[in-house]
């Protein structure tokens, strides 16, 4: 299985350089190289409705971090 090379890795500090969230910085929490997306902590918050489960016993709306295209981020330092 071949690995797709990316310019950022999990745990890197990055800055968004294009799009609606331009200028925001954060730490990379996960990478999906096949789709070309990274999830940066605190940059693109989304609200998601969830059913009741053991993890979320009350259900309701939770906040998650949304993906940003990998070409729209640059590595800092």
PDB file of N, CA and C in Angstrom:
ATOM      1  N   UNK A   1       0.849  -1.178   0.000  1.00  0.00           N
ATOM      2  CA  UNK A   1       0.000   0.000   0.000  1.00  0.00           C
ATOM      3  C   UNK A   1       0.891   1.237   0.000  1.00  0.00           C
ATOM      4  N   UNK A   2       0.707   2.099  -0.977  1.00  0.00           N
ATOM      5  CA  UNK A   2       1.547   3.287  -1.060  1.00  0.00           C
ATOM      6  C   UNK A   2       0.941   4.419  -0.232  1.00  0.00           C
ATOM      7  N   UNK A   3       1.817   5.219   0.306  1.00  0.00           N
ATOM      8  CA  UNK A   3       1.410   6.341   1.142  1.00  0.00           C
ATOM      9  C   UNK A   3       1.445   7.618   0.316  1.00  0.00           C
ATOM     10  N   UNK A   4       0.414   8.439   0.454  1.00  0.00           N
ATOM     11  CA  UNK A   4       0.355   9.710  -0.263  1.00  0.00           C
ATOM     12  C   UNK A   4       1.104  10.757   0.552  1.00  0.00           C
ATOM     13  N   UNK A   5       2.048  11.443  -0.086  1.00  0.00           N
ATOM     14  CA  UNK A   5       2.869  12.415   0.611  1.00  0.00           C
ATOM     15  C   UNK A   5       2.139  13.750   0.738  1.00  0.00           C
ATOM     16  N   UNK A   6       2.231  14.338   1.933  1.00  0.00           N
ATOM     17  CA  UNK A   6       1.634  15.647   2.181  1.00  0.00           C
ATOM     18  C   UNK A   6       2.694  16.561   2.778  1.00  0.00           C
ATOM     19  N   UNK A   7       2.467  17.869   2.698  1.00  0.00           N
ATOM     20  CA  UNK A   7       3.441  18.819   3.233  1.00  0.00           C
ATOM     21  C   UNK A   7       3.232  19.114   4.715  1.00  0.00           C
ATOM     22  N   UNK A   8       2.145  18.604   5.291  1.00  0.00           N
ATOM     23  CA  UNK A   8       1.896  18.764   6.724  1.00  0.00           C
ATOM     24  C   UNK A   8       1.651  17.396   7.347  1.00  0.00           C
ATOM     25  N   UNK A   9       1.917  17.301   8.640  1.00  0.00           N
ATOM     26  CA  UNK A   9       1.711  16.068   9.384  1.00  0.00           C
ATOM     27  C   UNK A   9       0.830  16.336  10.588  1.00  0.00           C
ATOM     28  N   UNK A  10       0.318  15.278  11.171  1.00  0.00           N
ATOM     29  CA  UNK A  10      -0.494  15.401  12.367  1.00  0.00           C
ATOM     30  C   UNK A  10       0.350  16.029  13.475  1.00  0.00           C
ATOM     31  N   UNK A  11      -0.211  17.039  14.142  1.00  0.00           N
ATOM     32  CA  UNK A  11       0.500  17.722  15.214  1.00  0.00           C
ATOM     33  C   UNK A  11       1.215  18.994  14.780  1.00  0.00           C
ATOM     34  N   UNK A  12       1.308  19.261  13.476  1.00  0.00           N
ATOM     35  CA  UNK A  12       1.962  20.477  12.987  1.00  0.00           C
ATOM     36  C   UNK A  12       1.096  21.702  13.247  1.00  0.00           C
ATOM     37  N   UNK A  13       1.745  22.833  13.462  1.00  0.00           N
ATOM     38  CA  UNK A  13       1.051  24.116  13.600  1.00  0.00           C
ATOM     39  C   UNK A  13       0.916  24.695  12.188  1.00  0.00           C
ATOM     40  N   UNK A  14      -0.316  25.018  11.779  1.00  0.00           N
ATOM     41  CA  UNK A  14      -0.558  25.520  10.419  1.00  0.00           C
ATOM     42  C   UNK A  14      -1.388  26.790  10.453  1.00  0.00           C
ATOM     43  N   UNK A  15      -1.359  27.520   9.327  1.00  0.00           N
ATOM     44  CA  UNK A  15      -2.165  28.716   9.140  1.00  0.00           C
ATOM     45  C   UNK A  15      -2.961  28.554   7.856  1.00  0.00           C
ATOM     46  N   UNK A  16      -4.236  28.949   7.882  1.00  0.00           N
ATOM     47  CA  UNK A  16      -5.087  28.895   6.694  1.00  0.00           C
ATOM     48  C   UNK A  16      -4.754  30.110   5.833  1.00  0.00           C
ATOM     49  N   UNK A  17      -4.466  29.876   4.548  1.00  0.00           N
ATOM     50  CA  UNK A  17      -4.021  30.957   3.676  1.00  0.00           C
ATOM     51  C   UNK A  17      -5.063  31.332   2.625  1.00  0.00           C
ATOM     52  N   UNK A  18      -6.186  30.605   2.561  1.00  0.00           N
ATOM     53  CA  UNK A  18      -7.223  30.919   1.572  1.00  0.00           C
ATOM     54  C   UNK A  18      -8.578  30.469   2.098  1.00  0.00           C
ATOM     55  N   UNK A  19      -9.623  31.089   1.574  1.00  0.00           N
ATOM     56  CA  UNK A  19     -10.977  30.703   1.944  1.00  0.00           C
ATOM     57  C   UNK A  19     -11.561  31.588   3.029  1.00  0.00           C
ATOM     58  N   UNK A  20     -12.730  31.182   3.543  1.00  0.00           N
ATOM     59  CA  UNK A  20     -13.438  31.977   4.544  1.00  0.00           C
ATOM     60  C   UNK A  20     -12.703  32.065   5.873  1.00  0.00           C
ATOM     61  N   UNK A  21     -11.835  31.133   6.154  1.00  0.00           N
ATOM     62  CA  UNK A  21     -11.150  31.083   7.445  1.00  0.00           C
ATOM     63  C   UNK A  21      -9.695  31.532   7.328  1.00  0.00           C
ATOM     64  N   UNK A  22      -9.428  32.363   6.336  1.00  0.00           N
ATOM     65  CA  UNK A  22      -8.073  32.855   6.065  1.00  0.00           C
ATOM     66  C   UNK A  22      -7.500  33.573   7.281  1.00  0.00           C
ATOM     67  N   UNK A  23      -6.253  33.250   7.615  1.00  0.00           N
ATOM     68  CA  UNK A  23      -5.562  33.901   8.717  1.00  0.00           C
ATOM     69  C   UNK A  23      -5.632  33.152  10.029  1.00  0.00           C
ATOM     70  N   UNK A  24      -6.552  32.206  10.185  1.00  0.00           N
ATOM     71  CA  UNK A  24      -6.663  31.458  11.432  1.00  0.00           C
ATOM     72  C   UNK A  24      -5.554  30.419  11.518  1.00  0.00           C
ATOM     73  N   UNK A  25      -5.092  30.175  12.734  1.00  0.00           N
ATOM     74  CA  UNK A  25      -4.041  29.182  12.945  1.00  0.00           C
ATOM     75  C   UNK A  25      -4.524  28.127  13.926  1.00  0.00           C
ATOM     76  N   UNK A  26      -3.896  26.966  13.854  1.00  0.00           N
ATOM     77  CA  UNK A  26      -4.242  25.878  14.756  1.00  0.00           C
ATOM     78  C   UNK A  26      -3.357  24.676  14.510  1.00  0.00           C
ATOM     79  N   UNK A  27      -3.622  23.627  15.265  1.00  0.00           N
ATOM     80  CA  UNK A  27      -2.834  22.405  15.181  1.00  0.00           C
ATOM     81  C   UNK A  27      -3.606  21.356  14.384  1.00  0.00           C
ATOM     82  N   UNK A  28      -2.908  20.623  13.515  1.00  0.00           N
ATOM     83  CA  UNK A  28      -3.532  19.590  12.701  1.00  0.00           C
ATOM     84  C   UNK A  28      -3.877  18.404  13.591  1.00  0.00           C
ATOM     85  N   UNK A  29      -5.169  18.007  13.594  1.00  0.00           N
ATOM     86  CA  UNK A  29      -5.588  16.865  14.411  1.00  0.00           C
ATOM     87  C   UNK A  29      -5.703  15.596  13.585  1.00  0.00           C
ATOM     88  N   UNK A  30      -6.027  15.715  12.283  1.00  0.00           N
ATOM     89  CA  UNK A  30      -6.058  14.535  11.421  1.00  0.00           C
ATOM     90  C   UNK A  30      -5.911  14.955   9.965  1.00  0.00           C
ATOM     91  N   UNK A  31      -5.481  13.978   9.148  1.00  0.00           N
ATOM     92  CA  UNK A  31      -5.249  14.212   7.725  1.00  0.00           C
ATOM     93  C   UNK A  31      -5.941  13.114   6.928  1.00  0.00           C
ATOM     94  N   UNK A  32      -6.656  13.499   5.874  1.00  0.00           N
ATOM     95  CA  UNK A  32      -7.204  12.545   4.919  1.00  0.00           C
ATOM     96  C   UNK A  32      -6.539  12.859   3.586  1.00  0.00           C
ATOM     97  N   UNK A  33      -5.424  12.179   3.299  1.00  0.00           N
ATOM     98  CA  UNK A  33      -4.634  12.485   2.112  1.00  0.00           C
ATOM     99  C   UNK A  33      -5.351  12.090   0.828  1.00  0.00           C
ATOM    100  N   UNK A  34      -6.193  11.065   0.876  1.00  0.00           N
ATOM    101  CA  UNK A  34      -6.914  10.632  -0.316  1.00  0.00           C
ATOM    102  C   UNK A  34      -7.877  11.716  -0.778  1.00  0.00           C
ATOM    103  N   UNK A  35      -8.592  12.334   0.155  1.00  0.00           N
ATOM    104  CA  UNK A  35      -9.512  13.424  -0.175  1.00  0.00           C
ATOM    105  C   UNK A  35      -8.817  14.770  -0.224  1.00  0.00           C
ATOM    106  N   UNK A  36      -7.581  14.871   0.270  1.00  0.00           N
ATOM    107  CA  UNK A  36      -6.856  16.137   0.284  1.00  0.00           C
ATOM    108  C   UNK A  36      -7.372  17.094   1.329  1.00  0.00           C
ATOM    109  N   UNK A  37      -7.745  16.567   2.501  1.00  0.00           N
ATOM    110  CA  UNK A  37      -8.313  17.398   3.552  1.00  0.00           C
ATOM    111  C   UNK A  37      -7.538  17.237   4.851  1.00  0.00           C
ATOM    112  N   UNK A  38      -7.488  18.308   5.632  1.00  0.00           N
ATOM    113  CA  UNK A  38      -6.926  18.269   6.977  1.00  0.00           C
ATOM    114  C   UNK A  38      -7.954  18.864   7.933  1.00  0.00           C
ATOM    115  N   UNK A  39      -7.941  18.385   9.165  1.00  0.00           N
ATOM    116  CA  UNK A  39      -8.793  18.955  10.193  1.00  0.00           C
ATOM    117  C   UNK A  39      -7.881  19.699  11.153  1.00  0.00           C
ATOM    118  N   UNK A  40      -8.124  21.014  11.264  1.00  0.00           N
ATOM    119  CA  UNK A  40      -7.303  21.880  12.101  1.00  0.00           C
ATOM    120  C   UNK A  40      -8.137  22.295  13.309  1.00  0.00           C
ATOM    121  N   UNK A  41      -7.562  22.152  14.485  1.00  0.00           N
ATOM    122  CA  UNK A  41      -8.265  22.408  15.735  1.00  0.00           C
ATOM    123  C   UNK A  41      -8.687  23.868  15.849  1.00  0.00           C
ATOM    124  N   UNK A  42     -10.000  24.109  15.954  1.00  0.00           N
ATOM    125  CA  UNK A  42     -10.532  25.439  16.191  1.00  0.00           C
ATOM    126  C   UNK A  42     -10.650  26.351  14.990  1.00  0.00           C
ATOM    127  N   UNK A  43     -10.380  25.863  13.782  1.00  0.00           N
ATOM    128  CA  UNK A  43     -10.397  26.738  12.609  1.00  0.00           C
ATOM    129  C   UNK A  43     -11.765  26.777  11.938  1.00  0.00           C
ATOM    130  N   UNK A  44     -12.397  25.642  11.785  1.00  0.00           N
ATOM    131  CA  UNK A  44     -13.683  25.596  11.069  1.00  0.00           C
ATOM    132  C   UNK A  44     -14.714  24.839  11.905  1.00  0.00           C
ATOM    133  N   UNK A  45     -15.287  25.504  12.915  1.00  0.00           N
ATOM    134  CA  UNK A  45     -16.248  24.812  13.782  1.00  0.00           C
ATOM    135  C   UNK A  45     -17.571  24.549  13.068  1.00  0.00           C
ATOM    136  N   UNK A  46     -18.084  23.340  13.255  1.00  0.00           N
ATOM    137  CA  UNK A  46     -19.370  22.947  12.697  1.00  0.00           C
ATOM    138  C   UNK A  46     -20.254  22.432  13.821  1.00  0.00           C
ATOM    139  N   UNK A  47     -21.563  22.551  13.651  1.00  0.00           N
ATOM    140  CA  UNK A  47     -22.508  21.988  14.605  1.00  0.00           C
ATOM    141  C   UNK A  47     -23.100  20.736  13.973  1.00  0.00           C
ATOM    142  N   UNK A  48     -23.190  19.667  14.775  1.00  0.00           N
ATOM    143  CA  UNK A  48     -23.692  18.395  14.276  1.00  0.00           C
ATOM    144  C   UNK A  48     -24.741  17.858  15.227  1.00  0.00           C
ATOM    145  N   UNK A  49     -25.868  17.435  14.680  1.00  0.00           N
ATOM    146  CA  UNK A  49     -26.926  16.834  15.484  1.00  0.00           C
ATOM    147  C   UNK A  49     -26.610  15.349  15.668  1.00  0.00           C
ATOM    148  N   UNK A  50     -26.674  14.868  16.915  1.00  0.00           N
ATOM    149  CA  UNK A  50     -26.385  13.462  17.194  1.00  0.00           C
ATOM    150  C   UNK A  50     -27.540  12.832  17.963  1.00  0.00           C
ATOM    151  N   UNK A  51     -27.761  11.538  17.690  1.00  0.00           N
ATOM    152  CA  UNK A  51     -28.778  10.784  18.412  1.00  0.00           C
ATOM    153  C   UNK A  51     -28.253  10.408  19.791  1.00  0.00           C
ATOM    154  N   UNK A  52     -29.131   9.958  20.633  1.00  0.00           N
ATOM    155  CA  UNK A  52     -28.720   9.457  21.936  1.00  0.00           C
ATOM    156  C   UNK A  52     -27.874   8.203  21.762  1.00  0.00           C
ATOM    157  N   UNK A  53     -26.817   8.106  22.555  1.00  0.00           N
ATOM    158  CA  UNK A  53     -25.941   6.941  22.533  1.00  0.00           C
ATOM    159  C   UNK A  53     -25.228   6.874  23.867  1.00  0.00           C
ATOM    160  N   UNK A  54     -24.372   5.879  24.036  1.00  0.00           N
ATOM    161  CA  UNK A  54     -23.602   5.791  25.274  1.00  0.00           C
ATOM    162  C   UNK A  54     -22.633   6.956  25.392  1.00  0.00           C
ATOM    163  N   UNK A  55     -22.090   7.368  24.267  1.00  0.00           N
ATOM    164  CA  UNK A  55     -21.139   8.483  24.272  1.00  0.00           C
ATOM    165  C   UNK A  55     -21.843   9.817  24.531  1.00  0.00           C
ATOM    166  N   UNK A  56     -23.029   9.992  23.952  1.00  0.00           N
ATOM    167  CA  UNK A  56     -23.819  11.216  24.127  1.00  0.00           C
ATOM    168  C   UNK A  56     -25.200  10.818  24.646  1.00  0.00           C
ATOM    169  N   UNK A  57     -25.343  10.614  25.956  1.00  0.00           N
ATOM    170  CA  UNK A  57     -26.605  10.103  26.496  1.00  0.00           C
ATOM    171  C   UNK A  57     -27.803  11.031  26.290  1.00  0.00           C
ATOM    172  N   UNK A  58     -27.579  12.330  26.181  1.00  0.00           N
ATOM    173  CA  UNK A  58     -28.686  13.253  25.971  1.00  0.00           C
ATOM    174  C   UNK A  58     -28.930  13.560  24.502  1.00  0.00           C
ATOM    175  N   UNK A  59     -28.000  13.195  23.628  1.00  0.00           N
ATOM    176  CA  UNK A  59     -28.129  13.542  22.222  1.00  0.00           C
ATOM    177  C   UNK A  59     -27.976  15.044  22.049  1.00  0.00           C
ATOM    178  N   UNK A  60     -28.601  15.601  21.019  1.00  0.00           N
ATOM    179  CA  UNK A  60     -28.583  17.046  20.827  1.00  0.00           C
ATOM    180  C   UNK A  60     -27.559  17.492  19.809  1.00  0.00           C
ATOM    181  N   UNK A  61     -27.084  18.721  19.960  1.00  0.00           N
ATOM    182  CA  UNK A  61     -26.167  19.338  19.007  1.00  0.00           C
ATOM    183  C   UNK A  61     -24.787  19.461  19.652  1.00  0.00           C
ATOM    184  N   UNK A  62     -23.756  18.987  18.929  1.00  0.00           N
ATOM    185  CA  UNK A  62     -22.377  19.067  19.418  1.00  0.00           C
ATOM    186  C   UNK A  62     -21.556  19.894  18.428  1.00  0.00           C
ATOM    187  N   UNK A  63     -20.429  20.411  18.892  1.00  0.00           N
ATOM    188  CA  UNK A  63     -19.505  21.156  18.037  1.00  0.00           C
ATOM    189  C   UNK A  63     -18.366  20.245  17.624  1.00  0.00           C
ATOM    190  N   UNK A  64     -18.055  20.227  16.320  1.00  0.00           N
ATOM    191  CA  UNK A  64     -16.929  19.462  15.806  1.00  0.00           C
ATOM    192  C   UNK A  64     -16.100  20.388  14.920  1.00  0.00           C
ATOM    193  N   UNK A  65     -14.867  19.969  14.608  1.00  0.00           N
ATOM    194  CA  UNK A  65     -14.015  20.721  13.691  1.00  0.00           C
ATOM    195  C   UNK A  65     -14.189  20.164  12.283  1.00  0.00           C
ATOM    196  N   UNK A  66     -14.435  21.043  11.322  1.00  0.00           N
ATOM    197  CA  UNK A  66     -14.632  20.636   9.939  1.00  0.00           C
ATOM    198  C   UNK A  66     -13.327  20.607   9.168  1.00  0.00           C
ATOM    199  N   UNK A  67     -13.317  19.939   8.008  1.00  0.00           N
ATOM    200  CA  UNK A  67     -12.098  19.828   7.207  1.00  0.00           C
ATOM    201  C   UNK A  67     -11.810  21.089   6.392  1.00  0.00           C
ATOM    202  N   UNK A  68     -10.526  21.282   6.093  1.00  0.00           N
ATOM    203  CA  UNK A  68     -10.047  22.360   5.230  1.00  0.00           C
ATOM    204  C   UNK A  68      -9.200  21.692   4.153  1.00  0.00           C
ATOM    205  N   UNK A  69      -9.280  22.169   2.924  1.00  0.00           N
ATOM    206  CA  UNK A  69      -8.478  21.566   1.860  1.00  0.00           C
ATOM    207  C   UNK A  69      -6.997  21.767   2.157  1.00  0.00           C
ATOM    208  N   UNK A  70      -6.220  20.732   1.864  1.00  0.00           N
ATOM    209  CA  UNK A  70      -4.800  20.734   2.238  1.00  0.00           C
ATOM    210  C   UNK A  70      -3.998  21.821   1.503  1.00  0.00           C
ATOM    211  N   UNK A  71      -4.492  22.250   0.339  1.00  0.00           N
ATOM    212  CA  UNK A  71      -3.777  23.300  -0.391  1.00  0.00           C
ATOM    213  C   UNK A  71      -4.005  24.678   0.217  1.00  0.00           C
ATOM    214  N   UNK A  72      -4.979  24.787   1.129  1.00  0.00           N
ATOM    215  CA  UNK A  72      -5.288  26.077   1.744  1.00  0.00           C
ATOM    216  C   UNK A  72      -4.599  26.289   3.079  1.00  0.00           C
ATOM    217  N   UNK A  73      -3.668  25.418   3.455  1.00  0.00           N
ATOM    218  CA  UNK A  73      -2.939  25.586   4.708  1.00  0.00           C
ATOM    219  C   UNK A  73      -1.445  25.605   4.434  1.00  0.00           C
ATOM    220  N   UNK A  74      -0.723  26.366   5.281  1.00  0.00           N
ATOM    221  CA  UNK A  74       0.731  26.354   5.199  1.00  0.00           C
ATOM    222  C   UNK A  74       1.291  26.065   6.589  1.00  0.00           C
ATOM    223  N   UNK A  75       2.386  25.353   6.607  1.00  0.00           N
ATOM    224  CA  UNK A  75       3.034  24.948   7.833  1.00  0.00           C
ATOM    225  C   UNK A  75       3.770  26.137   8.447  1.00  0.00           C
ATOM    226  N   UNK A  76       3.620  26.323   9.755  1.00  0.00           N
ATOM    227  CA  UNK A  76       4.331  27.396  10.454  1.00  0.00           C
ATOM    228  C   UNK A  76       5.534  26.813  11.174  1.00  0.00           C
ATOM    229  N   UNK A  77       6.621  27.560  11.155  1.00  0.00           N
ATOM    230  CA  UNK A  77       7.825  27.195  11.907  1.00  0.00           C
ATOM    231  C   UNK A  77       8.366  25.921  11.475  1.00  0.00           C
TER     232      UNK A  77
END
